[in-house]
Amino acid sequence: MTRSEDQPFLVLGATGKTGSRVSQRLTELGFPVRPGSRHALIPFDWDNPSTWSAALKGVRAVYIAYQPDLAMPGALEILQAFVMQASEHQIKHLVLLSGRGEVEAQDAERIVKNSGIDWTVLRCSWFFQNFSEAHFLEPIIEGQLALPVGHVAEPFVDADDIADVAVQALTRPGHTGKLYELTGPKALTFAEAVQEIGTATGRNIQFTQVPVELYRKELEIAQLPAPWVDLVLYLFTTVLDGRNTPVADGVLQALGRPAKDFSAYAERTASTGIWNTSQ
């Protein structure tokens, strides 16, 4: 009989912003980890259910980061099918990465809560790392970030905080049945966030609000698939309408310490040189 301490944690989205951090922390703590990605030794692909059973076999708990987003068409049906398989494999705990202000994400939360498996939900703001590890990076390097969002403040959260909470939930008692709203300690507009990065780098970086339809055309010119275009615009319009501006204390609840500050992130990240111009 397999001892529970010998059973791996399955980390889905293991190469993503939060999954990579969760995997690293679990490994550093001495826990066995099974990376859940298409190119892993035991591959996992959300779009290929035939890969799920092998990935789930012998696993004790799962960190679920759905790619690309829980608001994508068909995501809820896929998640429901996955959770059913997890139940069949007698998984002991599910930790779901969810999003604030998304009706679809809250529907996903209900799927996990109704699974019959112990659960923890991490309902998160937009990540700090969107500015350094994702689609905002190149425009910031070039000196101008243009987005279809105005003077709406978002309490951006550090992916490191999310990973710390996820690892606590996976490895320590006391987090079952908890929903943690994870935000940073203050809300910033995108213009203010870019200004923070400019201050940290000593560069003049501009933020510009652009009309939604112009942004749509730019995404289409870049040949982004139509469902992705719709997702991006949904996130920038419906989700970023101010509903998520209030700060929450989920990091403090889960970890007993305050959430990390955007200014400290900007200074730390600027010191790596990643936002420097390419010249």
Protein backbone atom coordinates (compact mmCIF):
# COMPACT_ATOMS: atom_id res chain seq x y z
CA MET A 1 0.00 0.00 0.00
CA THR A 2 1.38 3.41 -0.98
CA ARG A 3 2.10 5.71 1.97
CA SER A 4 0.49 9.15 1.58
CA GLU A 5 3.86 10.88 1.98
CA ASP A 6 5.13 8.96 -1.05
CA GLN A 7 2.22 10.07 -3.23
CA PRO A 8 3.01 13.03 -5.50
CA PHE A 9 1.17 16.30 -5.81
CA LEU A 10 -0.15 16.88 -9.34
CA VAL A 11 0.47 20.51 -10.29
CA LEU A 12 -1.51 21.52 -13.37
CA GLY A 13 -0.19 24.45 -15.33
CA ALA A 14 3.24 23.47 -14.03
CA THR A 15 5.05 25.76 -16.46
CA GLY A 16 2.79 28.75 -15.79
CA LYS A 17 3.21 31.72 -13.48
CA THR A 18 1.69 30.09 -10.41
CA GLY A 19 2.17 26.40 -11.21
CA SER A 20 5.92 26.76 -11.67
CA ARG A 21 6.18 28.47 -8.28
CA VAL A 22 3.99 25.86 -6.57
CA SER A 23 6.11 23.06 -8.05
CA GLN A 24 9.34 24.73 -6.96
CA ARG A 25 8.15 25.27 -3.39
CA LEU A 26 6.85 21.72 -3.00
CA THR A 27 10.11 20.31 -4.34
CA GLU A 28 12.19 22.49 -2.04
CA LEU A 29 10.12 21.23 0.90
CA GLY A 30 10.89 17.65 -0.10
CA PHE A 31 7.49 16.69 -1.47
CA PRO A 32 7.19 14.58 -4.63
CA VAL A 33 5.71 16.58 -7.51
CA ARG A 34 4.15 15.42 -10.77
CA PRO A 35 4.20 18.33 -13.25
CA GLY A 36 0.99 18.59 -15.23
CA SER A 37 1.83 19.86 -18.71
CA ARG A 38 1.76 18.56 -22.26
CA HIS A 39 5.52 18.03 -22.35
CA ALA A 40 5.91 16.41 -18.92
CA LEU A 41 7.19 12.84 -18.49
CA ILE A 42 3.58 11.86 -17.81
CA PRO A 43 1.85 14.35 -20.12
CA PHE A 44 -1.31 16.19 -19.19
CA ASP A 45 -3.43 18.09 -21.71
CA TRP A 46 -6.74 19.73 -20.83
CA ASP A 47 -7.87 19.22 -24.43
CA ASN A 48 -6.99 15.51 -24.41
CA PRO A 49 -8.93 13.69 -21.65
CA SER A 50 -7.12 10.45 -22.49
CA THR A 51 -4.06 11.92 -20.71
CA TRP A 52 -5.84 12.61 -17.44
CA SER A 53 -6.01 9.15 -15.88
CA ALA A 54 -2.27 8.48 -16.04
CA ALA A 55 -1.54 11.93 -14.62
CA LEU A 56 -3.97 11.34 -11.73
CA LYS A 57 -2.87 7.81 -10.90
CA GLY A 58 -1.43 7.56 -7.39
CA VAL A 59 -1.70 11.30 -6.73
CA ARG A 60 -2.70 12.61 -3.29
CA ALA A 61 -3.82 16.16 -4.20
CA VAL A 62 -4.08 18.46 -7.22
CA TYR A 63 -3.34 22.13 -7.81
CA ILE A 64 -5.70 23.16 -10.62
CA ALA A 65 -4.68 26.08 -12.83
CA TYR A 66 -6.89 25.85 -15.91
CA GLN A 67 -5.39 27.05 -19.17
CA PRO A 68 -6.00 29.45 -20.75
CA ASP A 69 -8.83 30.76 -18.54
CA LEU A 70 -11.96 29.49 -16.83
CA ALA A 71 -13.97 31.98 -18.90
CA MET A 72 -13.09 30.24 -22.17
CA PRO A 73 -15.97 28.44 -23.96
CA GLY A 74 -16.14 24.80 -22.87
CA ALA A 75 -13.91 25.26 -19.82
CA LEU A 76 -16.59 24.36 -17.28
CA GLU A 77 -17.51 21.14 -19.05
CA ILE A 78 -13.84 20.14 -19.22
CA LEU A 79 -13.30 20.95 -15.55
CA GLN A 80 -16.41 18.98 -14.56
CA ALA A 81 -15.14 15.92 -16.42
CA PHE A 82 -11.69 16.27 -14.85
CA VAL A 83 -13.10 16.58 -11.33
CA MET A 84 -15.15 13.42 -11.88
CA GLN A 85 -11.97 11.57 -12.85
CA ALA A 86 -10.19 12.99 -9.81
CA SER A 87 -12.96 11.60 -7.63
CA GLU A 88 -12.66 8.19 -9.28
CA HIS A 89 -8.92 8.22 -8.51
CA GLN A 90 -9.69 9.01 -4.85
CA ILE A 91 -7.81 12.31 -4.86
CA LYS A 92 -7.84 13.72 -1.33
CA HIS A 93 -7.70 17.49 -1.97
CA LEU A 94 -8.25 19.94 -4.82
CA VAL A 95 -6.82 23.49 -4.74
CA LEU A 96 -8.39 25.64 -7.48
CA LEU A 97 -6.88 28.82 -8.90
CA SER A 98 -9.90 31.03 -9.58
CA GLY A 99 -10.44 34.62 -10.68
CA ARG A 100 -12.21 37.54 -9.04
CA GLY A 101 -15.21 39.00 -10.79
CA GLU A 102 -15.65 36.20 -13.33
CA VAL A 103 -19.05 34.52 -13.30
CA GLU A 104 -17.51 31.52 -15.07
CA ALA A 105 -14.78 31.21 -12.45
CA GLN A 106 -17.37 31.16 -9.69
CA ASP A 107 -19.24 28.43 -11.59
CA ALA A 108 -15.94 26.52 -11.65
CA GLU A 109 -15.62 27.00 -7.90
CA ARG A 110 -19.01 25.35 -7.43
CA ILE A 111 -17.90 22.35 -9.49
CA VAL A 112 -14.93 21.85 -7.17
CA LYS A 113 -16.97 22.48 -4.02
CA ASN A 114 -19.58 19.91 -5.10
CA SER A 115 -16.99 17.27 -6.05
CA GLY A 116 -17.10 15.35 -2.78
CA ILE A 117 -13.34 15.97 -2.46
CA ASP A 118 -11.76 18.26 0.14
CA TRP A 119 -11.20 21.65 -1.53
CA THR A 120 -9.61 25.06 -1.20
CA VAL A 121 -10.33 27.94 -3.59
CA LEU A 122 -7.87 30.74 -4.34
CA ARG A 123 -9.87 33.58 -5.90
CA CYS A 124 -7.23 35.92 -7.26
CA SER A 125 -6.76 39.41 -8.65
CA TRP A 126 -4.63 40.05 -11.73
CA PHE A 127 -1.00 39.12 -11.15
CA PHE A 128 1.97 41.46 -10.70
CA GLN A 129 3.82 39.13 -13.05
CA ASN A 130 1.58 40.02 -16.00
CA PHE A 131 3.92 43.00 -16.31
CA SER A 132 7.12 40.93 -16.34
CA GLU A 133 6.32 37.38 -17.44
CA ALA A 134 3.49 37.80 -19.91
CA HIS A 135 1.91 39.92 -22.63
CA PHE A 136 2.61 43.32 -21.01
CA LEU A 137 6.39 42.75 -20.94
CA GLU A 138 7.29 43.65 -24.51
CA PRO A 139 5.31 46.94 -24.61
CA ILE A 140 6.89 47.98 -21.30
CA ILE A 141 10.35 47.28 -22.70
CA GLU A 142 9.40 49.39 -25.72
CA GLY A 143 8.24 52.21 -23.42
CA GLN A 144 4.47 52.28 -23.97
CA LEU A 145 1.69 50.01 -22.78
CA ALA A 146 -1.65 50.59 -24.53
CA LEU A 147 -4.76 48.79 -23.24
CA PRO A 148 -8.55 49.21 -23.48
CA VAL A 149 -8.94 50.10 -19.80
CA GLY A 150 -9.26 53.47 -18.13
CA HIS A 151 -9.13 54.77 -14.58
CA VAL A 152 -10.12 51.48 -12.96
CA ALA A 153 -8.03 50.30 -10.02
CA GLU A 154 -7.07 46.65 -9.58
CA PRO A 155 -5.44 45.26 -6.39
CA PHE A 156 -2.82 43.27 -8.30
CA VAL A 157 -1.45 40.25 -6.39
CA ASP A 158 2.01 38.68 -6.37
CA ALA A 159 2.14 35.18 -7.88
CA ASP A 160 4.59 34.33 -5.11
CA ASP A 161 1.84 34.99 -2.55
CA ILE A 162 -0.55 32.78 -4.51
CA ALA A 163 2.00 29.97 -4.58
CA ASP A 164 2.69 30.32 -0.85
CA VAL A 165 -1.03 30.00 -0.09
CA ALA A 166 -1.43 27.06 -2.48
CA VAL A 167 1.43 25.14 -0.86
CA GLN A 168 0.00 25.82 2.61
CA ALA A 169 -3.38 24.54 1.46
CA LEU A 170 -1.86 21.42 -0.10
CA THR A 171 0.46 20.47 2.73
CA ARG A 172 -0.95 21.84 6.00
CA PRO A 173 -4.23 21.22 7.84
CA GLY A 174 -6.78 23.95 8.39
CA HIS A 175 -7.41 25.07 4.82
CA THR A 176 -10.09 22.59 3.75
CA GLY A 177 -13.35 24.24 2.74
CA LYS A 178 -11.77 27.71 2.68
CA LEU A 179 -12.17 30.32 -0.06
CA TYR A 180 -9.32 32.84 0.03
CA GLU A 181 -9.66 36.10 -1.90
CA LEU A 182 -6.08 36.96 -2.77
CA THR A 183 -5.19 40.55 -3.62
CA GLY A 184 -2.31 42.91 -3.04
CA PRO A 185 -2.44 45.46 -0.19
CA LYS A 186 -3.62 48.34 -2.40
CA ALA A 187 -5.44 48.93 -5.67
CA LEU A 188 -3.63 50.60 -8.58
CA THR A 189 -4.81 51.72 -11.99
CA PHE A 190 -2.78 50.37 -14.90
CA ALA A 191 -1.36 53.86 -15.37
CA GLU A 192 -0.21 53.90 -11.74
CA ALA A 193 1.30 50.43 -12.03
CA VAL A 194 3.24 51.47 -15.13
CA GLN A 195 4.38 54.61 -13.32
CA GLU A 196 5.69 52.44 -10.47
CA ILE A 197 7.66 50.38 -12.98
CA GLY A 198 9.00 53.55 -14.60
CA THR A 199 10.18 54.85 -11.22
CA ALA A 200 11.83 51.52 -10.38
CA THR A 201 13.64 51.36 -13.74
CA GLY A 202 14.43 55.05 -14.06
CA ARG A 203 12.70 55.06 -17.43
CA ASN A 204 9.87 57.09 -18.94
CA ILE A 205 7.22 54.44 -19.64
CA GLN A 206 3.83 55.60 -20.85
CA PHE A 207 0.38 54.09 -20.39
CA THR A 208 -2.30 54.85 -22.99
CA GLN A 209 -5.97 53.94 -22.97
CA VAL A 210 -7.17 52.80 -26.40
CA PRO A 211 -10.73 52.19 -27.66
CA VAL A 212 -11.95 48.61 -27.34
CA GLU A 213 -12.63 48.19 -31.06
CA LEU A 214 -9.18 49.46 -32.00
CA TYR A 215 -7.65 46.95 -29.58
CA ARG A 216 -9.79 44.21 -31.11
CA LYS A 217 -8.47 45.07 -34.58
CA GLU A 218 -4.88 44.96 -33.29
CA LEU A 219 -5.45 41.50 -31.81
CA GLU A 220 -7.01 40.31 -35.06
CA ILE A 221 -4.08 41.71 -37.07
CA ALA A 222 -1.80 39.75 -34.73
CA GLN A 223 -3.85 36.68 -35.78
CA LEU A 224 -5.01 35.82 -32.28
CA PRO A 225 -7.74 33.17 -32.52
CA ALA A 226 -11.26 34.56 -32.20
CA PRO A 227 -12.04 32.90 -28.82
CA TRP A 228 -8.85 34.43 -27.39
CA VAL A 229 -9.78 37.87 -28.73
CA ASP A 230 -13.19 37.60 -27.07
CA LEU A 231 -11.58 36.43 -23.81
CA VAL A 232 -9.09 39.31 -23.69
CA LEU A 233 -11.78 41.91 -24.35
CA TYR A 234 -14.09 40.30 -21.79
CA LEU A 235 -11.36 40.54 -19.15
CA PHE A 236 -10.58 44.17 -19.98
CA THR A 237 -14.18 45.36 -20.15
CA THR A 238 -16.59 43.25 -18.11
CA VAL A 239 -14.17 42.03 -15.43
CA LEU A 240 -12.22 45.28 -15.19
CA ASP A 241 -15.24 47.48 -14.53
CA GLY A 242 -14.34 48.30 -10.93
CA ARG A 243 -16.03 45.29 -9.36
CA ASN A 244 -12.66 43.96 -8.18
CA THR A 245 -11.19 47.20 -6.82
CA PRO A 246 -11.79 46.45 -3.10
CA VAL A 247 -8.78 44.92 -1.35
CA ALA A 248 -9.22 41.54 0.37
CA ASP A 249 -7.20 39.94 3.16
CA GLY A 250 -6.96 36.35 1.94
CA VAL A 251 -3.16 36.32 2.06
CA LEU A 252 -3.22 37.40 5.71
CA GLN A 253 -5.91 34.83 6.53
CA ALA A 254 -3.99 31.97 4.94
CA LEU A 255 -0.40 32.88 5.82
CA GLY A 256 -0.60 35.16 8.84
CA ARG A 257 1.34 37.89 7.04
CA PRO A 258 0.36 40.79 4.77
CA ALA A 259 0.30 40.49 1.00
CA LYS A 260 3.37 41.74 -0.87
CA ASP A 261 3.39 45.27 -2.23
CA PHE A 262 3.57 46.20 -5.92
CA SER A 263 6.32 48.79 -5.34
CA ALA A 264 8.58 46.14 -3.80
CA TYR A 265 7.85 43.83 -6.73
CA ALA A 266 8.68 46.61 -9.20
CA GLU A 267 12.00 47.37 -7.49
CA ARG A 268 12.93 43.70 -7.19
CA THR A 269 12.03 42.96 -10.82
CA ALA A 270 13.72 46.10 -12.14
CA SER A 271 16.97 44.96 -10.51
CA THR A 272 16.96 41.89 -12.79
CA GLY A 273 17.14 44.11 -15.88
CA ILE A 274 14.17 42.43 -17.54
CA TRP A 275 12.46 45.79 -18.25
CA ASN A 276 15.54 47.37 -19.78
CA THR A 277 15.36 48.49 -23.38
CA SER A 278 16.82 46.05 -25.88
CA GLN A 279 19.27 48.57 -27.34
